[in-house]
Amino acid sequence: MPADPHEFGRASERLAVAFLQHQAYRIVAVNQRVGRGELDIIARRGAVLAFVEVKARRTRTCGTPEDAVTPRKRRQVARLAALWLGSHPRALVGVSDVRFDIIAVDALSQPPRVRHLRAAFDAGH
C-alpha cells in the first residue's frame, strides 16, 4: 500500500471497488461529489442500492477502520445520499432497499484484508 495518505485512501477505494465487483455489485459511481461532501462508492446489486463508506487503517492506534465512521460521519453520508437521490431519482427504479454499508480495509496484513459490513448504519444514525 502507498505511503502517501491520499494515495493510500485511493488505493483502498480501488480495493473496495474490486471487492464489490467480485461480489456481483454494479458500481454506479465512485468519489461522487455532492454539495460539500463526497460519497465514496454507490453500488447496486439486484434491488439493493448501497452507499458505501470506505475506511482504511495501517495501524490499530486509532482503532479499526469502521471505528472511524462516527455518528457525525454517518449523518453526513445519509444527508449526501439523500441529496444524490434527489438529483438522480431514476437510480431508484427497481430498488426495494437503500442501505448504508462500510468497507473496512485493514492494511496491517499483506495483502490488506477487506471486510464488508452490510447495512452498517441507517439514515437516522
N, C-alpha and C. Protein backbone atom coordinates (compact mmCIF):
# COMPACT_ATOMS: atom_id res chain seq x y z
N MET A 1 0.85 -1.17 0.00
CA MET A 1 0.00 0.00 0.00
C MET A 1 0.90 1.24 0.00
N PRO A 2 0.47 2.28 -0.70
CA PRO A 2 1.27 3.51 -0.81
C PRO A 2 1.47 4.19 0.55
N ALA A 3 2.59 4.89 0.68
CA ALA A 3 2.91 5.61 1.91
C ALA A 3 2.13 6.92 2.01
N ASP A 4 1.92 7.59 0.88
CA ASP A 4 1.21 8.87 0.87
C ASP A 4 -0.23 8.65 1.33
N PRO A 5 -0.69 9.41 2.34
CA PRO A 5 -2.05 9.19 2.87
C PRO A 5 -3.15 9.33 1.82
N HIS A 6 -3.04 10.31 0.94
CA HIS A 6 -4.07 10.49 -0.09
C HIS A 6 -4.10 9.29 -1.03
N GLU A 7 -2.93 8.85 -1.46
CA GLU A 7 -2.86 7.71 -2.37
C GLU A 7 -3.27 6.42 -1.65
N PHE A 8 -2.96 6.32 -0.36
CA PHE A 8 -3.39 5.17 0.43
C PHE A 8 -4.92 5.07 0.42
N GLY A 9 -5.58 6.22 0.60
CA GLY A 9 -7.04 6.25 0.56
C GLY A 9 -7.58 5.84 -0.79
N ARG A 10 -6.99 6.36 -1.85
CA ARG A 10 -7.44 6.00 -3.21
C ARG A 10 -7.21 4.51 -3.49
N ALA A 11 -6.05 3.99 -3.06
CA ALA A 11 -5.77 2.57 -3.26
C ALA A 11 -6.78 1.71 -2.50
N SER A 12 -7.15 2.16 -1.31
CA SER A 12 -8.16 1.44 -0.51
C SER A 12 -9.51 1.45 -1.21
N GLU A 13 -9.86 2.59 -1.80
CA GLU A 13 -11.12 2.67 -2.55
C GLU A 13 -11.10 1.76 -3.77
N ARG A 14 -9.95 1.66 -4.43
CA ARG A 14 -9.85 0.75 -5.58
C ARG A 14 -10.03 -0.71 -5.13
N LEU A 15 -9.45 -1.05 -3.99
CA LEU A 15 -9.64 -2.40 -3.44
C LEU A 15 -11.11 -2.65 -3.14
N ALA A 16 -11.78 -1.65 -2.57
CA ALA A 16 -13.21 -1.78 -2.24
C ALA A 16 -14.04 -1.98 -3.50
N VAL A 17 -13.75 -1.21 -4.53
CA VAL A 17 -14.48 -1.36 -5.80
C VAL A 17 -14.29 -2.76 -6.36
N ALA A 18 -13.05 -3.23 -6.39
CA ALA A 18 -12.78 -4.57 -6.91
C ALA A 18 -13.50 -5.64 -6.07
N PHE A 19 -13.51 -5.46 -4.76
CA PHE A 19 -14.20 -6.40 -3.88
C PHE A 19 -15.69 -6.43 -4.20
N LEU A 20 -16.30 -5.26 -4.32
CA LEU A 20 -17.73 -5.21 -4.62
C LEU A 20 -18.05 -5.82 -5.97
N GLN A 21 -17.23 -5.52 -6.97
CA GLN A 21 -17.46 -6.10 -8.30
C GLN A 21 -17.36 -7.61 -8.24
N HIS A 22 -16.43 -8.13 -7.47
CA HIS A 22 -16.28 -9.56 -7.31
C HIS A 22 -17.52 -10.17 -6.63
N GLN A 23 -18.22 -9.37 -5.83
CA GLN A 23 -19.44 -9.80 -5.16
C GLN A 23 -20.69 -9.53 -6.01
N ALA A 24 -20.49 -9.23 -7.29
CA ALA A 24 -21.58 -9.02 -8.27
C ALA A 24 -22.32 -7.70 -8.10
N TYR A 25 -21.68 -6.71 -7.50
CA TYR A 25 -22.26 -5.37 -7.45
C TYR A 25 -21.89 -4.63 -8.72
N ARG A 26 -22.80 -3.80 -9.18
CA ARG A 26 -22.52 -2.90 -10.29
C ARG A 26 -22.19 -1.55 -9.67
N ILE A 27 -21.06 -1.01 -10.04
CA ILE A 27 -20.63 0.27 -9.48
C ILE A 27 -21.35 1.38 -10.24
N VAL A 28 -22.12 2.17 -9.51
CA VAL A 28 -22.89 3.27 -10.09
C VAL A 28 -22.03 4.52 -10.14
N ALA A 29 -21.27 4.78 -9.07
CA ALA A 29 -20.41 5.97 -9.02
C ALA A 29 -19.34 5.76 -7.96
N VAL A 30 -18.21 6.42 -8.18
CA VAL A 30 -17.10 6.41 -7.23
C VAL A 30 -16.67 7.85 -7.01
N ASN A 31 -16.40 8.19 -5.74
CA ASN A 31 -15.97 9.55 -5.38
C ASN A 31 -16.92 10.60 -5.94
N GLN A 32 -18.19 10.39 -5.69
CA GLN A 32 -19.24 11.27 -6.21
C GLN A 32 -19.34 12.51 -5.34
N ARG A 33 -19.01 13.67 -5.91
CA ARG A 33 -19.12 14.94 -5.19
C ARG A 33 -20.59 15.33 -5.10
N VAL A 34 -21.03 15.66 -3.88
CA VAL A 34 -22.40 16.09 -3.65
C VAL A 34 -22.32 17.23 -2.64
N GLY A 35 -22.83 18.39 -3.04
CA GLY A 35 -22.76 19.53 -2.13
C GLY A 35 -21.34 19.75 -1.66
N ARG A 36 -21.16 19.77 -0.34
CA ARG A 36 -19.83 19.98 0.23
C ARG A 36 -19.13 18.69 0.63
N GLY A 37 -19.65 17.58 0.18
CA GLY A 37 -19.07 16.30 0.58
C GLY A 37 -18.87 15.37 -0.59
N GLU A 38 -18.51 14.16 -0.25
CA GLU A 38 -18.25 13.15 -1.27
C GLU A 38 -18.74 11.79 -0.78
N LEU A 39 -19.42 11.08 -1.66
CA LEU A 39 -19.82 9.70 -1.40
C LEU A 39 -18.74 8.80 -2.01
N ASP A 40 -18.19 7.89 -1.20
CA ASP A 40 -17.08 7.06 -1.68
C ASP A 40 -17.51 6.16 -2.85
N ILE A 41 -18.52 5.33 -2.60
CA ILE A 41 -18.97 4.38 -3.63
C ILE A 41 -20.50 4.28 -3.56
N ILE A 42 -21.11 4.28 -4.72
CA ILE A 42 -22.53 3.95 -4.83
C ILE A 42 -22.58 2.69 -5.69
N ALA A 43 -23.20 1.64 -5.16
CA ALA A 43 -23.19 0.36 -5.85
C ALA A 43 -24.58 -0.26 -5.80
N ARG A 44 -24.84 -1.09 -6.80
CA ARG A 44 -26.14 -1.75 -6.87
C ARG A 44 -25.95 -3.24 -7.15
N ARG A 45 -26.75 -4.02 -6.44
CA ARG A 45 -26.83 -5.46 -6.71
C ARG A 45 -28.29 -5.84 -6.59
N GLY A 46 -28.87 -6.23 -7.69
CA GLY A 46 -30.29 -6.56 -7.70
C GLY A 46 -31.12 -5.35 -7.32
N ALA A 47 -31.98 -5.52 -6.33
CA ALA A 47 -32.87 -4.44 -5.90
C ALA A 47 -32.28 -3.63 -4.76
N VAL A 48 -30.98 -3.80 -4.49
CA VAL A 48 -30.31 -3.08 -3.40
C VAL A 48 -29.41 -1.99 -3.96
N LEU A 49 -29.60 -0.78 -3.46
CA LEU A 49 -28.72 0.33 -3.77
C LEU A 49 -27.96 0.64 -2.50
N ALA A 50 -26.64 0.55 -2.55
CA ALA A 50 -25.81 0.74 -1.36
C ALA A 50 -24.91 1.96 -1.51
N PHE A 51 -24.93 2.78 -0.47
CA PHE A 51 -23.99 3.88 -0.35
C PHE A 51 -22.90 3.36 0.57
N VAL A 52 -21.68 3.26 0.04
CA VAL A 52 -20.60 2.56 0.74
C VAL A 52 -19.53 3.55 1.17
N GLU A 53 -19.29 3.60 2.46
CA GLU A 53 -18.22 4.42 3.02
C GLU A 53 -17.00 3.51 3.17
N VAL A 54 -15.86 3.95 2.65
CA VAL A 54 -14.63 3.16 2.71
C VAL A 54 -13.70 3.79 3.74
N LYS A 55 -13.22 2.96 4.66
CA LYS A 55 -12.25 3.42 5.65
C LYS A 55 -11.12 2.41 5.71
N ALA A 56 -9.91 2.93 5.86
CA ALA A 56 -8.74 2.06 5.89
C ALA A 56 -7.81 2.48 7.02
N ARG A 57 -7.09 1.51 7.54
CA ARG A 57 -6.12 1.76 8.60
C ARG A 57 -4.87 0.93 8.34
N ARG A 58 -3.72 1.52 8.70
CA ARG A 58 -2.44 0.81 8.64
C ARG A 58 -2.04 0.28 10.01
N THR A 59 -2.58 0.92 11.07
CA THR A 59 -2.27 0.52 12.45
C THR A 59 -3.56 0.48 13.24
N ARG A 60 -3.48 -0.03 14.45
CA ARG A 60 -4.63 -0.08 15.35
C ARG A 60 -4.61 1.10 16.34
N THR A 61 -3.68 2.02 16.18
CA THR A 61 -3.56 3.16 17.09
C THR A 61 -4.88 3.90 17.25
N CYS A 62 -5.60 4.08 16.17
CA CYS A 62 -6.89 4.80 16.20
C CYS A 62 -8.08 3.85 16.12
N GLY A 63 -7.85 2.56 16.38
CA GLY A 63 -8.94 1.59 16.32
C GLY A 63 -9.05 0.95 14.95
N THR A 64 -10.17 0.28 14.74
CA THR A 64 -10.41 -0.40 13.47
C THR A 64 -10.87 0.62 12.43
N PRO A 65 -10.81 0.27 11.16
CA PRO A 65 -11.28 1.21 10.14
C PRO A 65 -12.72 1.65 10.36
N GLU A 66 -13.59 0.71 10.70
CA GLU A 66 -15.00 1.06 10.86
C GLU A 66 -15.25 1.98 12.06
N ASP A 67 -14.33 1.99 13.03
CA ASP A 67 -14.46 2.92 14.16
C ASP A 67 -14.44 4.38 13.69
N ALA A 68 -13.83 4.63 12.54
CA ALA A 68 -13.72 5.99 12.01
C ALA A 68 -15.03 6.50 11.42
N VAL A 69 -16.00 5.60 11.25
CA VAL A 69 -17.31 6.03 10.74
C VAL A 69 -18.15 6.42 11.96
N THR A 70 -17.90 7.61 12.41
CA THR A 70 -18.53 8.15 13.62
C THR A 70 -19.99 8.49 13.36
N PRO A 71 -20.75 8.73 14.42
CA PRO A 71 -22.14 9.17 14.20
C PRO A 71 -22.23 10.41 13.31
N ARG A 72 -21.31 11.33 13.47
CA ARG A 72 -21.30 12.53 12.61
C ARG A 72 -21.09 12.15 11.15
N LYS A 73 -20.14 11.24 10.89
CA LYS A 73 -19.88 10.80 9.52
C LYS A 73 -21.09 10.06 8.96
N ARG A 74 -21.75 9.27 9.77
CA ARG A 74 -22.94 8.54 9.33
C ARG A 74 -24.04 9.51 8.91
N ARG A 75 -24.25 10.55 9.72
CA ARG A 75 -25.26 11.56 9.38
C ARG A 75 -24.89 12.26 8.08
N GLN A 76 -23.60 12.56 7.90
CA GLN A 76 -23.16 13.22 6.68
C GLN A 76 -23.40 12.34 5.46
N VAL A 77 -23.05 11.07 5.54
CA VAL A 77 -23.25 10.15 4.42
C VAL A 77 -24.74 10.04 4.09
N ALA A 78 -25.58 9.92 5.11
CA ALA A 78 -27.03 9.82 4.88
C ALA A 78 -27.56 11.09 4.22
N ARG A 79 -27.08 12.25 4.67
CA ARG A 79 -27.51 13.53 4.09
C ARG A 79 -27.07 13.63 2.63
N LEU A 80 -25.82 13.26 2.36
CA LEU A 80 -25.31 13.31 0.99
C LEU A 80 -26.05 12.33 0.09
N ALA A 81 -26.38 11.15 0.63
CA ALA A 81 -27.13 10.16 -0.15
C ALA A 81 -28.51 10.70 -0.52
N ALA A 82 -29.16 11.35 0.43
CA ALA A 82 -30.49 11.93 0.15
C ALA A 82 -30.38 13.01 -0.92
N LEU A 83 -29.35 13.83 -0.85
CA LEU A 83 -29.14 14.85 -1.88
C LEU A 83 -28.90 14.20 -3.25
N TRP A 84 -28.07 13.17 -3.27
CA TRP A 84 -27.75 12.49 -4.52
C TRP A 84 -29.01 11.86 -5.11
N LEU A 85 -29.79 11.19 -4.26
CA LEU A 85 -31.02 10.56 -4.75
C LEU A 85 -32.00 11.60 -5.27
N GLY A 86 -32.04 12.77 -4.63
CA GLY A 86 -32.92 13.84 -5.09
C GLY A 86 -32.58 14.31 -6.49
N SER A 87 -31.31 14.24 -6.85
CA SER A 87 -30.91 14.67 -8.19
C SER A 87 -30.76 13.50 -9.16
N HIS A 88 -30.94 12.27 -8.67
CA HIS A 88 -30.87 11.06 -9.51
C HIS A 88 -32.05 10.14 -9.21
N PRO A 89 -33.27 10.62 -9.36
CA PRO A 89 -34.43 9.80 -8.98
C PRO A 89 -34.54 8.49 -9.76
N ARG A 90 -34.03 8.45 -10.98
CA ARG A 90 -34.11 7.22 -11.77
C ARG A 90 -33.26 6.10 -11.17
N ALA A 91 -32.33 6.45 -10.30
CA ALA A 91 -31.50 5.43 -9.65
C ALA A 91 -32.33 4.52 -8.76
N LEU A 92 -33.52 4.96 -8.39
CA LEU A 92 -34.38 4.16 -7.52
C LEU A 92 -35.31 3.21 -8.27
N VAL A 93 -35.31 3.27 -9.60
CA VAL A 93 -36.15 2.37 -10.39
C VAL A 93 -35.71 0.93 -10.12
N GLY A 94 -36.64 0.12 -9.65
CA GLY A 94 -36.35 -1.29 -9.37
C GLY A 94 -35.66 -1.53 -8.03
N VAL A 95 -35.46 -0.50 -7.25
CA VAL A 95 -34.79 -0.63 -5.95
C VAL A 95 -35.83 -0.80 -4.85
N SER A 96 -35.64 -1.81 -4.01
CA SER A 96 -36.55 -2.01 -2.88
C SER A 96 -35.83 -1.77 -1.55
N ASP A 97 -34.50 -1.63 -1.61
CA ASP A 97 -33.74 -1.43 -0.37
C ASP A 97 -32.58 -0.48 -0.64
N VAL A 98 -32.54 0.61 0.11
CA VAL A 98 -31.40 1.53 0.08
C VAL A 98 -30.72 1.37 1.42
N ARG A 99 -29.43 1.12 1.39
CA ARG A 99 -28.74 0.90 2.65
C ARG A 99 -27.38 1.58 2.66
N PHE A 100 -26.81 1.62 3.86
CA PHE A 100 -25.51 2.24 4.08
C PHE A 100 -24.54 1.17 4.57
N ASP A 101 -23.52 0.91 3.77
CA ASP A 101 -22.53 -0.11 4.07
C ASP A 101 -21.20 0.56 4.41
N ILE A 102 -20.34 -0.21 5.05
CA ILE A 102 -18.96 0.21 5.28
C ILE A 102 -18.07 -0.87 4.71
N ILE A 103 -17.04 -0.46 4.01
CA ILE A 103 -15.97 -1.39 3.64
C ILE A 103 -14.75 -0.96 4.44
N ALA A 104 -14.28 -1.89 5.27
CA ALA A 104 -13.12 -1.65 6.12
C ALA A 104 -11.92 -2.34 5.49
N VAL A 105 -10.88 -1.56 5.23
CA VAL A 105 -9.65 -2.10 4.66
C VAL A 105 -8.60 -2.09 5.77
N ASP A 106 -8.18 -3.27 6.14
CA ASP A 106 -7.20 -3.45 7.21
C ASP A 106 -5.85 -3.73 6.57
N ALA A 107 -5.00 -2.70 6.52
CA ALA A 107 -3.71 -2.83 5.84
C ALA A 107 -2.60 -3.28 6.79
N LEU A 108 -2.96 -3.78 7.97
CA LEU A 108 -1.95 -4.34 8.86
C LEU A 108 -1.35 -5.61 8.26
N SER A 109 -2.16 -6.32 7.49
CA SER A 109 -1.70 -7.55 6.85
C SER A 109 -1.46 -7.28 5.37
N GLN A 110 -0.66 -8.13 4.77
CA GLN A 110 -0.42 -8.04 3.33
C GLN A 110 -0.75 -9.39 2.72
N PRO A 111 -1.66 -9.45 1.78
CA PRO A 111 -2.40 -8.32 1.23
C PRO A 111 -3.40 -7.78 2.26
N PRO A 112 -3.84 -6.56 2.07
CA PRO A 112 -4.80 -5.98 3.01
C PRO A 112 -6.08 -6.81 3.08
N ARG A 113 -6.67 -6.84 4.27
CA ARG A 113 -7.92 -7.58 4.48
C ARG A 113 -9.09 -6.62 4.29
N VAL A 114 -10.09 -7.06 3.53
CA VAL A 114 -11.27 -6.24 3.25
C VAL A 114 -12.47 -6.88 3.93
N ARG A 115 -13.20 -6.06 4.71
CA ARG A 115 -14.43 -6.52 5.36
C ARG A 115 -15.58 -5.65 4.87
N HIS A 116 -16.68 -6.30 4.51
CA HIS A 116 -17.87 -5.59 4.04
C HIS A 116 -18.93 -5.69 5.12
N LEU A 117 -19.26 -4.56 5.72
CA LEU A 117 -20.29 -4.50 6.74
C LEU A 117 -21.56 -3.99 6.08
N ARG A 118 -22.45 -4.92 5.74
CA ARG A 118 -23.69 -4.57 5.05
C ARG A 118 -24.68 -3.95 6.04
N ALA A 119 -25.39 -2.94 5.58
CA ALA A 119 -26.38 -2.24 6.42
C ALA A 119 -25.76 -1.87 7.76
N ALA A 120 -24.58 -1.28 7.71
CA ALA A 120 -23.82 -0.95 8.92
C ALA A 120 -24.48 0.15 9.73
N PHE A 121 -25.25 0.99 9.06
CA PHE A 121 -25.98 2.04 9.77
C PHE A 121 -27.17 2.44 8.92
N ASP A 122 -28.07 3.22 9.53
CA ASP A 122 -29.23 3.69 8.78
C ASP A 122 -29.22 5.20 8.73
N ALA A 123 -30.18 5.75 8.04
CA ALA A 123 -30.20 7.21 7.82
C ALA A 123 -30.36 7.99 9.11
N GLY A 124 -30.87 7.37 10.15
CA GLY A 124 -31.05 8.05 11.41
C GLY A 124 -29.85 8.03 12.33
N HIS A 125 -28.84 7.23 12.01
CA HIS A 125 -27.67 7.11 12.89
C HIS A 125 -26.39 7.28 12.13
